Amino acid sequence: MVLSLCAIILLFSLLALLVVPARFYKKNSLLMQKFCLRMIFVEKFRKLYTLGLLMALIMAHYGAHVIMPNEPGVLISSVLCLIFFNFRWTERILKLVQNDTKIYSAMGLLCLVLLYTPHLFSFSFFVGFILLAATFYPSKAIMKRIEDDAFVEGLLKHRETIVKHYF
């Protein structure tokens, strides 16, 4: 029973890594407009976002640990999950990954390599979730632009442009 539940958790984690970017990345829907505005202007929403990331990581690691106990990838990535309990560290990591294209590309390649490396499947999930979270985190450029009052007024008047500026 527990084993099948953990398999379902892992499958939903994999599904989230595949569906969320395909469904929401750069889509100018009302949901994405609200999400982008809240991520830019509300720090508590960004904290909630990082807590959601932490929760997804913990659930994926629990499922992987029950299905594959004593795997080195599960142990390594579980220890690295401890970093994500601190919001400031999480924010720094997500901004670093998002703003540096070399790091982002290297992590994407690492995620694919780890996916096909024996015993490191869960570590691939860890890297994939960080990439997914960094993709939807507000960039340094948009956070600087909101200091300009004219830009903020224009953004709030024309909400349909928020997704274009966000990504």
N, C-alpha and C. Protein backbone atom coordinates (compact mmCIF):
# COMPACT_ATOMS: atom_id res chain seq x y z
N MET A 1 0.82 -1.19 0.00
CA MET A 1 0.00 0.00 0.00
C MET A 1 0.86 1.26 0.00
N VAL A 2 1.82 1.31 0.93
CA VAL A 2 2.69 2.48 1.03
C VAL A 2 3.57 2.58 -0.22
N LEU A 3 4.03 1.45 -0.71
CA LEU A 3 4.88 1.44 -1.89
C LEU A 3 4.15 1.98 -3.11
N SER A 4 2.89 1.59 -3.28
CA SER A 4 2.13 2.09 -4.43
C SER A 4 1.81 3.57 -4.27
N LEU A 5 1.57 4.02 -3.04
CA LEU A 5 1.34 5.44 -2.80
C LEU A 5 2.58 6.25 -3.14
N CYS A 6 3.74 5.74 -2.77
CA CYS A 6 4.99 6.44 -3.07
C CYS A 6 5.27 6.45 -4.57
N ALA A 7 4.91 5.38 -5.25
CA ALA A 7 5.06 5.36 -6.71
C ALA A 7 4.17 6.41 -7.35
N ILE A 8 2.97 6.58 -6.82
CA ILE A 8 2.06 7.61 -7.33
C ILE A 8 2.64 9.00 -7.07
N ILE A 9 3.23 9.21 -5.90
CA ILE A 9 3.86 10.50 -5.59
C ILE A 9 4.97 10.80 -6.58
N LEU A 10 5.80 9.80 -6.87
CA LEU A 10 6.89 10.01 -7.83
C LEU A 10 6.36 10.28 -9.23
N LEU A 11 5.30 9.60 -9.62
CA LEU A 11 4.73 9.84 -10.94
C LEU A 11 4.13 11.24 -11.04
N PHE A 12 3.47 11.70 -9.99
CA PHE A 12 2.93 13.06 -10.00
C PHE A 12 4.06 14.09 -10.01
N SER A 13 5.17 13.79 -9.35
CA SER A 13 6.32 14.69 -9.39
C SER A 13 6.87 14.80 -10.80
N LEU A 14 6.99 13.67 -11.46
CA LEU A 14 7.46 13.67 -12.84
C LEU A 14 6.48 14.39 -13.74
N LEU A 15 5.21 14.17 -13.51
CA LEU A 15 4.18 14.84 -14.30
C LEU A 15 4.24 16.36 -14.09
N ALA A 16 4.49 16.79 -12.86
CA ALA A 16 4.61 18.23 -12.59
C ALA A 16 5.80 18.83 -13.32
N LEU A 17 6.91 18.10 -13.37
CA LEU A 17 8.09 18.60 -14.07
C LEU A 17 7.86 18.72 -15.57
N LEU A 18 6.97 17.92 -16.11
CA LEU A 18 6.70 17.96 -17.54
C LEU A 18 5.57 18.89 -17.92
N VAL A 19 4.50 18.90 -17.14
CA VAL A 19 3.28 19.62 -17.52
C VAL A 19 3.35 21.11 -17.18
N VAL A 20 3.87 21.45 -16.02
CA VAL A 20 3.85 22.85 -15.58
C VAL A 20 4.57 23.78 -16.56
N PRO A 21 5.79 23.46 -16.99
CA PRO A 21 6.42 24.38 -17.95
C PRO A 21 5.69 24.41 -19.30
N ALA A 22 5.21 23.28 -19.75
CA ALA A 22 4.52 23.24 -21.04
C ALA A 22 3.21 24.00 -21.00
N ARG A 23 2.54 23.99 -19.88
CA ARG A 23 1.22 24.62 -19.77
C ARG A 23 1.29 26.11 -19.45
N PHE A 24 2.27 26.53 -18.66
CA PHE A 24 2.25 27.89 -18.14
C PHE A 24 3.38 28.81 -18.60
N TYR A 25 4.48 28.28 -19.12
CA TYR A 25 5.62 29.13 -19.45
C TYR A 25 5.28 30.09 -20.60
N LYS A 26 5.39 31.38 -20.33
CA LYS A 26 5.15 32.46 -21.28
C LYS A 26 3.74 32.47 -21.86
N LYS A 27 2.79 31.88 -21.18
CA LYS A 27 1.40 31.91 -21.61
C LYS A 27 0.74 33.13 -20.99
N ASN A 28 0.06 33.92 -21.81
CA ASN A 28 -0.54 35.16 -21.33
C ASN A 28 -1.98 34.92 -20.88
N SER A 29 -2.16 34.04 -19.94
CA SER A 29 -3.49 33.78 -19.40
C SER A 29 -3.71 34.63 -18.15
N LEU A 30 -4.95 34.72 -17.73
CA LEU A 30 -5.27 35.50 -16.53
C LEU A 30 -4.57 34.92 -15.30
N LEU A 31 -4.50 33.60 -15.23
CA LEU A 31 -3.82 32.95 -14.11
C LEU A 31 -2.34 33.33 -14.05
N MET A 32 -1.67 33.31 -15.20
CA MET A 32 -0.25 33.67 -15.23
C MET A 32 -0.04 35.16 -14.95
N GLN A 33 -0.97 36.00 -15.39
CA GLN A 33 -0.86 37.43 -15.09
C GLN A 33 -0.93 37.67 -13.59
N LYS A 34 -1.87 37.02 -12.93
CA LYS A 34 -1.99 37.16 -11.47
C LYS A 34 -0.76 36.60 -10.76
N PHE A 35 -0.29 35.44 -11.24
CA PHE A 35 0.89 34.81 -10.65
C PHE A 35 2.10 35.74 -10.76
N CYS A 36 2.33 36.28 -11.95
CA CYS A 36 3.48 37.15 -12.16
C CYS A 36 3.41 38.41 -11.32
N LEU A 37 2.23 39.03 -11.27
CA LEU A 37 2.08 40.24 -10.45
C LEU A 37 2.35 39.95 -8.98
N ARG A 38 1.84 38.86 -8.49
CA ARG A 38 2.04 38.53 -7.07
C ARG A 38 3.50 38.18 -6.79
N MET A 39 4.13 37.47 -7.72
CA MET A 39 5.54 37.12 -7.52
C MET A 39 6.42 38.37 -7.51
N ILE A 40 6.05 39.36 -8.30
CA ILE A 40 6.86 40.58 -8.37
C ILE A 40 6.66 41.46 -7.14
N PHE A 41 5.41 41.66 -6.75
CA PHE A 41 5.11 42.68 -5.75
C PHE A 41 4.97 42.16 -4.32
N VAL A 42 4.72 40.89 -4.11
CA VAL A 42 4.41 40.39 -2.76
C VAL A 42 5.50 39.40 -2.32
N GLU A 43 6.28 39.80 -1.32
CA GLU A 43 7.34 38.92 -0.83
C GLU A 43 6.77 37.68 -0.16
N LYS A 44 5.64 37.81 0.51
CA LYS A 44 5.04 36.64 1.17
C LYS A 44 4.61 35.60 0.14
N PHE A 45 4.23 36.04 -1.06
CA PHE A 45 3.88 35.08 -2.11
C PHE A 45 5.13 34.34 -2.59
N ARG A 46 6.26 35.06 -2.67
CA ARG A 46 7.51 34.39 -3.04
C ARG A 46 7.92 33.40 -1.96
N LYS A 47 7.68 33.73 -0.68
CA LYS A 47 7.96 32.79 0.41
C LYS A 47 7.07 31.55 0.29
N LEU A 48 5.81 31.77 -0.04
CA LEU A 48 4.89 30.64 -0.25
C LEU A 48 5.36 29.78 -1.42
N TYR A 49 5.84 30.42 -2.45
CA TYR A 49 6.36 29.70 -3.63
C TYR A 49 7.55 28.82 -3.25
N THR A 50 8.48 29.36 -2.45
CA THR A 50 9.62 28.56 -2.04
C THR A 50 9.21 27.44 -1.08
N LEU A 51 8.19 27.69 -0.25
CA LEU A 51 7.68 26.61 0.61
C LEU A 51 7.02 25.51 -0.22
N GLY A 52 6.35 25.90 -1.30
CA GLY A 52 5.78 24.91 -2.21
C GLY A 52 6.87 24.07 -2.87
N LEU A 53 7.98 24.72 -3.23
CA LEU A 53 9.13 24.00 -3.78
C LEU A 53 9.67 23.02 -2.75
N LEU A 54 9.83 23.47 -1.52
CA LEU A 54 10.33 22.61 -0.45
C LEU A 54 9.39 21.42 -0.23
N MET A 55 8.10 21.69 -0.23
CA MET A 55 7.12 20.61 -0.03
C MET A 55 7.19 19.59 -1.16
N ALA A 56 7.32 20.06 -2.40
CA ALA A 56 7.43 19.14 -3.54
C ALA A 56 8.70 18.31 -3.44
N LEU A 57 9.80 18.94 -3.03
CA LEU A 57 11.05 18.20 -2.87
C LEU A 57 10.95 17.15 -1.77
N ILE A 58 10.34 17.51 -0.66
CA ILE A 58 10.20 16.56 0.45
C ILE A 58 9.32 15.38 0.04
N MET A 59 8.22 15.66 -0.64
CA MET A 59 7.33 14.57 -1.07
C MET A 59 8.02 13.65 -2.07
N ALA A 60 8.74 14.24 -3.03
CA ALA A 60 9.45 13.42 -4.01
C ALA A 60 10.53 12.58 -3.34
N HIS A 61 11.22 13.16 -2.36
CA HIS A 61 12.26 12.40 -1.68
C HIS A 61 11.68 11.31 -0.78
N TYR A 62 10.56 11.58 -0.18
CA TYR A 62 9.91 10.55 0.63
C TYR A 62 9.52 9.36 -0.26
N GLY A 63 8.90 9.67 -1.39
CA GLY A 63 8.52 8.59 -2.31
C GLY A 63 9.72 7.83 -2.82
N ALA A 64 10.79 8.54 -3.16
CA ALA A 64 11.99 7.88 -3.65
C ALA A 64 12.66 7.05 -2.56
N HIS A 65 12.64 7.55 -1.33
CA HIS A 65 13.27 6.81 -0.23
C HIS A 65 12.52 5.52 0.09
N VAL A 66 11.20 5.56 0.03
CA VAL A 66 10.42 4.35 0.32
C VAL A 66 10.61 3.32 -0.80
N ILE A 67 10.63 3.79 -2.04
CA ILE A 67 10.77 2.86 -3.16
C ILE A 67 12.20 2.36 -3.28
N MET A 68 13.18 3.27 -3.09
CA MET A 68 14.60 2.90 -3.25
C MET A 68 15.37 3.26 -1.99
N PRO A 69 15.24 2.49 -0.92
CA PRO A 69 15.95 2.85 0.32
C PRO A 69 17.46 2.70 0.16
N ASN A 70 18.18 3.54 0.87
CA ASN A 70 19.65 3.52 0.91
C ASN A 70 20.31 3.79 -0.44
N GLU A 71 19.63 4.50 -1.32
CA GLU A 71 20.24 4.92 -2.58
C GLU A 71 21.07 6.17 -2.32
N PRO A 72 22.27 6.26 -2.90
CA PRO A 72 23.11 7.44 -2.64
C PRO A 72 22.50 8.74 -3.15
N GLY A 73 21.79 8.69 -4.27
CA GLY A 73 21.17 9.90 -4.81
C GLY A 73 20.12 10.48 -3.90
N VAL A 74 19.33 9.59 -3.27
CA VAL A 74 18.30 10.04 -2.34
C VAL A 74 18.94 10.67 -1.11
N LEU A 75 20.00 10.06 -0.62
CA LEU A 75 20.66 10.59 0.57
C LEU A 75 21.33 11.94 0.30
N ILE A 76 22.00 12.06 -0.84
CA ILE A 76 22.69 13.32 -1.18
C ILE A 76 21.68 14.45 -1.35
N SER A 77 20.66 14.20 -2.15
CA SER A 77 19.70 15.27 -2.42
C SER A 77 18.84 15.59 -1.20
N SER A 78 18.62 14.62 -0.32
CA SER A 78 17.88 14.90 0.91
C SER A 78 18.66 15.84 1.82
N VAL A 79 19.96 15.64 1.88
CA VAL A 79 20.79 16.55 2.68
C VAL A 79 20.79 17.94 2.05
N LEU A 80 20.84 18.02 0.73
CA LEU A 80 20.81 19.32 0.06
C LEU A 80 19.47 20.03 0.22
N CYS A 81 18.41 19.26 0.47
CA CYS A 81 17.09 19.87 0.70
C CYS A 81 17.06 20.71 1.96
N LEU A 82 17.96 20.44 2.89
CA LEU A 82 18.00 21.21 4.13
C LEU A 82 18.27 22.69 3.86
N ILE A 83 18.98 22.99 2.78
CA ILE A 83 19.27 24.38 2.42
C ILE A 83 17.98 25.14 2.16
N PHE A 84 16.98 24.47 1.62
CA PHE A 84 15.76 25.13 1.19
C PHE A 84 14.80 25.44 2.35
N PHE A 85 15.18 25.11 3.56
CA PHE A 85 14.37 25.52 4.71
C PHE A 85 14.56 27.00 5.03
N ASN A 86 15.65 27.60 4.57
CA ASN A 86 15.92 29.01 4.79
C ASN A 86 15.51 29.78 3.53
N PHE A 87 14.58 30.73 3.67
CA PHE A 87 14.06 31.47 2.52
C PHE A 87 15.14 32.28 1.82
N ARG A 88 16.01 32.93 2.57
CA ARG A 88 17.06 33.76 1.94
C ARG A 88 18.01 32.92 1.11
N TRP A 89 18.40 31.77 1.61
CA TRP A 89 19.28 30.90 0.83
C TRP A 89 18.57 30.39 -0.41
N THR A 90 17.32 30.01 -0.25
CA THR A 90 16.54 29.54 -1.39
C THR A 90 16.43 30.62 -2.44
N GLU A 91 16.15 31.84 -2.00
CA GLU A 91 16.02 32.95 -2.94
C GLU A 91 17.33 33.21 -3.67
N ARG A 92 18.44 33.18 -2.96
CA ARG A 92 19.75 33.38 -3.59
C ARG A 92 20.04 32.30 -4.62
N ILE A 93 19.74 31.06 -4.27
CA ILE A 93 20.00 29.95 -5.20
C ILE A 93 19.14 30.10 -6.45
N LEU A 94 17.86 30.39 -6.28
CA LEU A 94 16.97 30.51 -7.43
C LEU A 94 17.37 31.69 -8.32
N LYS A 95 17.76 32.80 -7.71
CA LYS A 95 18.20 33.96 -8.51
C LYS A 95 19.51 33.66 -9.22
N LEU A 96 20.42 32.97 -8.56
CA LEU A 96 21.69 32.62 -9.18
C LEU A 96 21.48 31.71 -10.38
N VAL A 97 20.65 30.70 -10.22
CA VAL A 97 20.38 29.77 -11.31
C VAL A 97 19.67 30.48 -12.46
N GLN A 98 18.74 31.35 -12.15
CA GLN A 98 17.97 32.00 -13.20
C GLN A 98 18.78 33.05 -13.95
N ASN A 99 19.59 33.82 -13.26
CA ASN A 99 20.28 34.95 -13.89
C ASN A 99 21.57 34.57 -14.59
N ASP A 100 22.10 33.40 -14.35
CA ASP A 100 23.33 32.96 -15.01
C ASP A 100 22.99 31.83 -15.98
N THR A 101 23.06 32.13 -17.28
CA THR A 101 22.66 31.14 -18.28
C THR A 101 23.59 29.93 -18.31
N LYS A 102 24.86 30.13 -17.96
CA LYS A 102 25.78 28.99 -17.95
C LYS A 102 25.39 28.00 -16.85
N ILE A 103 25.07 28.52 -15.68
CA ILE A 103 24.65 27.64 -14.58
C ILE A 103 23.34 26.96 -14.93
N TYR A 104 22.41 27.71 -15.51
CA TYR A 104 21.11 27.15 -15.88
C TYR A 104 21.28 26.03 -16.91
N SER A 105 22.10 26.27 -17.92
CA SER A 105 22.35 25.25 -18.95
C SER A 105 23.07 24.04 -18.38
N ALA A 106 24.05 24.29 -17.51
CA ALA A 106 24.79 23.18 -16.90
C ALA A 106 23.88 22.33 -16.03
N MET A 107 22.98 22.97 -15.30
CA MET A 107 22.04 22.21 -14.46
C MET A 107 21.05 21.43 -15.32
N GLY A 108 20.63 22.00 -16.44
CA GLY A 108 19.75 21.26 -17.35
C GLY A 108 20.43 20.02 -17.90
N LEU A 109 21.69 20.17 -18.30
CA LEU A 109 22.45 19.02 -18.79
C LEU A 109 22.69 18.01 -17.67
N LEU A 110 23.01 18.51 -16.48
CA LEU A 110 23.21 17.63 -15.33
C LEU A 110 21.94 16.84 -15.02
N CYS A 111 20.81 17.49 -15.12
CA CYS A 111 19.53 16.82 -14.85
C CYS A 111 19.31 15.67 -15.83
N LEU A 112 19.61 15.90 -17.09
CA LEU A 112 19.44 14.83 -18.09
C LEU A 112 20.44 13.70 -17.88
N VAL A 113 21.68 14.04 -17.55
CA VAL A 113 22.69 13.01 -17.31
C VAL A 113 22.33 12.17 -16.09
N LEU A 114 21.91 12.84 -15.02
CA LEU A 114 21.55 12.12 -13.79
C LEU A 114 20.32 11.24 -13.96
N LEU A 115 19.45 11.64 -14.87
CA LEU A 115 18.23 10.86 -15.11
C LEU A 115 18.56 9.45 -15.60
N TYR A 116 19.65 9.33 -16.35
CA TYR A 116 20.02 8.03 -16.91
C TYR A 116 21.22 7.40 -16.20
N THR A 117 21.61 7.97 -15.07
CA THR A 117 22.70 7.41 -14.29
C THR A 117 22.10 6.53 -13.19
N PRO A 118 22.57 5.30 -13.06
CA PRO A 118 22.01 4.43 -12.02
C PRO A 118 22.20 5.04 -10.62
N HIS A 119 21.20 4.89 -9.80
CA HIS A 119 21.19 5.30 -8.39
C HIS A 119 21.09 6.81 -8.18
N LEU A 120 20.96 7.61 -9.23
CA LEU A 120 20.89 9.06 -9.07
C LEU A 120 19.60 9.64 -9.65
N PHE A 121 18.58 8.81 -9.77
CA PHE A 121 17.30 9.25 -10.34
C PHE A 121 16.66 10.34 -9.49
N SER A 122 16.67 10.19 -8.17
CA SER A 122 16.04 11.19 -7.30
C SER A 122 16.84 12.49 -7.28
N PHE A 123 18.14 12.40 -7.45
CA PHE A 123 18.94 13.62 -7.53
C PHE A 123 18.60 14.40 -8.79
N SER A 124 18.23 13.67 -9.84
CA SER A 124 17.76 14.32 -11.07
C SER A 124 16.46 15.07 -10.82
N PHE A 125 15.56 14.49 -10.03
CA PHE A 125 14.33 15.19 -9.63
C PHE A 125 14.66 16.48 -8.88
N PHE A 126 15.61 16.39 -7.98
CA PHE A 126 16.03 17.55 -7.19
C PHE A 126 16.50 18.69 -8.11
N VAL A 127 17.37 18.38 -9.04
CA VAL A 127 17.89 19.39 -9.96
C VAL A 127 16.77 19.90 -10.86
N GLY A 128 15.89 19.01 -11.31
CA GLY A 128 14.77 19.42 -12.15
C GLY A 128 13.81 20.35 -11.45
N PHE A 129 13.50 20.08 -10.19
CA PHE A 129 12.62 20.97 -9.42
C PHE A 129 13.26 22.34 -9.21
N ILE A 130 14.56 22.38 -8.99
CA ILE A 130 15.24 23.67 -8.83
C ILE A 130 15.19 24.46 -10.13
N LEU A 131 15.41 23.78 -11.25
CA LEU A 131 15.32 24.45 -12.56
C LEU A 131 13.91 24.97 -12.81
N LEU A 132 12.92 24.17 -12.49
CA LEU A 132 11.53 24.59 -12.68
C LEU A 132 11.20 25.79 -11.81
N ALA A 133 11.62 25.75 -10.55
CA ALA A 133 11.35 26.87 -9.65
C ALA A 133 12.09 28.13 -10.08
N ALA A 134 13.32 27.99 -10.55
CA ALA A 134 14.08 29.15 -11.01
C ALA A 134 13.48 29.76 -12.27
N THR A 135 12.89 28.94 -13.10
CA THR A 135 12.28 29.44 -14.33
C THR A 135 11.13 30.38 -14.03
N PHE A 136 10.33 30.07 -13.04
CA PHE A 136 9.16 30.88 -12.72
C PHE A 136 9.42 31.91 -11.62
N TYR A 137 10.65 32.05 -11.17
CA TYR A 137 10.98 33.04 -10.15
C TYR A 137 11.25 34.38 -10.84
N PRO A 138 10.89 35.51 -10.22
CA PRO A 138 11.10 36.81 -10.89
C PRO A 138 12.59 37.10 -11.11
N SER A 139 12.90 37.60 -12.29
CA SER A 139 14.30 37.86 -12.63
C SER A 139 14.79 39.14 -11.96
N LYS A 140 16.10 39.29 -11.96
CA LYS A 140 16.72 40.48 -11.38
C LYS A 140 16.31 41.72 -12.17
N ALA A 141 16.15 41.58 -13.48
CA ALA A 141 15.80 42.73 -14.33
C ALA A 141 14.41 43.26 -13.99
N ILE A 142 13.43 42.39 -13.84
CA ILE A 142 12.06 42.86 -13.54
C ILE A 142 11.99 43.43 -12.13
N MET A 143 12.77 42.89 -11.21
CA MET A 143 12.76 43.42 -9.85
C MET A 143 13.38 44.82 -9.79
N LYS A 144 14.34 45.11 -10.68
CA LYS A 144 14.90 46.46 -10.75
C LYS A 144 13.93 47.41 -11.43
N ARG A 145 13.21 46.91 -12.42
CA ARG A 145 12.30 47.79 -13.16
C ARG A 145 11.09 48.22 -12.34
N ILE A 146 10.72 47.46 -11.33
CA ILE A 146 9.55 47.86 -10.54
C ILE A 146 9.86 49.02 -9.60
N GLU A 147 11.13 49.39 -9.49
CA GLU A 147 11.47 50.57 -8.70
C GLU A 147 11.04 51.85 -9.40
N ASP A 148 10.84 51.77 -10.72
CA ASP A 148 10.39 52.92 -11.51
C ASP A 148 8.86 53.00 -11.43
N ASP A 149 8.36 54.10 -10.87
CA ASP A 149 6.91 54.25 -10.67
C ASP A 149 6.14 54.29 -11.98
N ALA A 150 6.71 54.90 -13.02
CA ALA A 150 6.03 54.98 -14.31
C ALA A 150 5.86 53.58 -14.91
N PHE A 151 6.87 52.76 -14.76
CA PHE A 151 6.78 51.39 -15.28
C PHE A 151 5.70 50.60 -14.53
N VAL A 152 5.65 50.78 -13.23
CA VAL A 152 4.64 50.07 -12.42
C VAL A 152 3.24 50.50 -12.80
N GLU A 153 3.04 51.81 -12.98
CA GLU A 153 1.72 52.30 -13.39
C GLU A 153 1.31 51.74 -14.75
N GLY A 154 2.25 51.74 -15.69
CA GLY A 154 1.97 51.19 -17.02
C GLY A 154 1.68 49.70 -16.96
N LEU A 155 2.39 49.01 -16.09
CA LEU A 155 2.20 47.57 -15.94
C LEU A 155 0.83 47.26 -15.35
N LEU A 156 0.42 48.05 -14.38
CA LEU A 156 -0.88 47.81 -13.75
C LEU A 156 -2.03 48.21 -14.67
N LYS A 157 -1.80 49.20 -15.55
CA LYS A 157 -2.83 49.58 -16.52
C LYS A 157 -2.99 48.52 -17.60
N HIS A 158 -1.87 48.02 -18.07
CA HIS A 158 -1.87 47.04 -19.17
C HIS A 158 -1.35 45.71 -18.64
N ARG A 159 -2.20 45.01 -17.94
CA ARG A 159 -1.79 43.74 -17.31
C ARG A 159 -1.43 42.66 -18.33
N GLU A 160 -1.90 42.81 -19.55
CA GLU A 160 -1.60 41.79 -20.56
C GLU A 160 -0.12 41.78 -20.95
N THR A 161 0.62 42.84 -20.58
CA THR A 161 2.05 42.89 -20.91
C THR A 161 2.94 42.32 -19.80
N ILE A 162 2.36 41.98 -18.68
CA ILE A 162 3.15 41.54 -17.53
C ILE A 162 3.94 40.26 -17.84
N VAL A 163 3.32 39.33 -18.54
CA VAL A 163 4.00 38.06 -18.82
C VAL A 163 5.19 38.29 -19.75
N LYS A 164 5.04 39.21 -20.70
CA LYS A 164 6.14 39.52 -21.61
C LYS A 164 7.32 40.11 -20.84
N HIS A 165 7.06 40.99 -19.89
CA HIS A 165 8.13 41.60 -19.11
C HIS A 165 8.70 40.63 -18.08
N TYR A 166 7.88 39.73 -17.58
CA TYR A 166 8.29 38.82 -16.51
C TYR A 166 9.34 37.83 -16.99
N PHE A 167 9.13 37.30 -18.19
CA PHE A 167 10.07 36.31 -18.72
C PHE A 167 11.02 37.01 -19.64
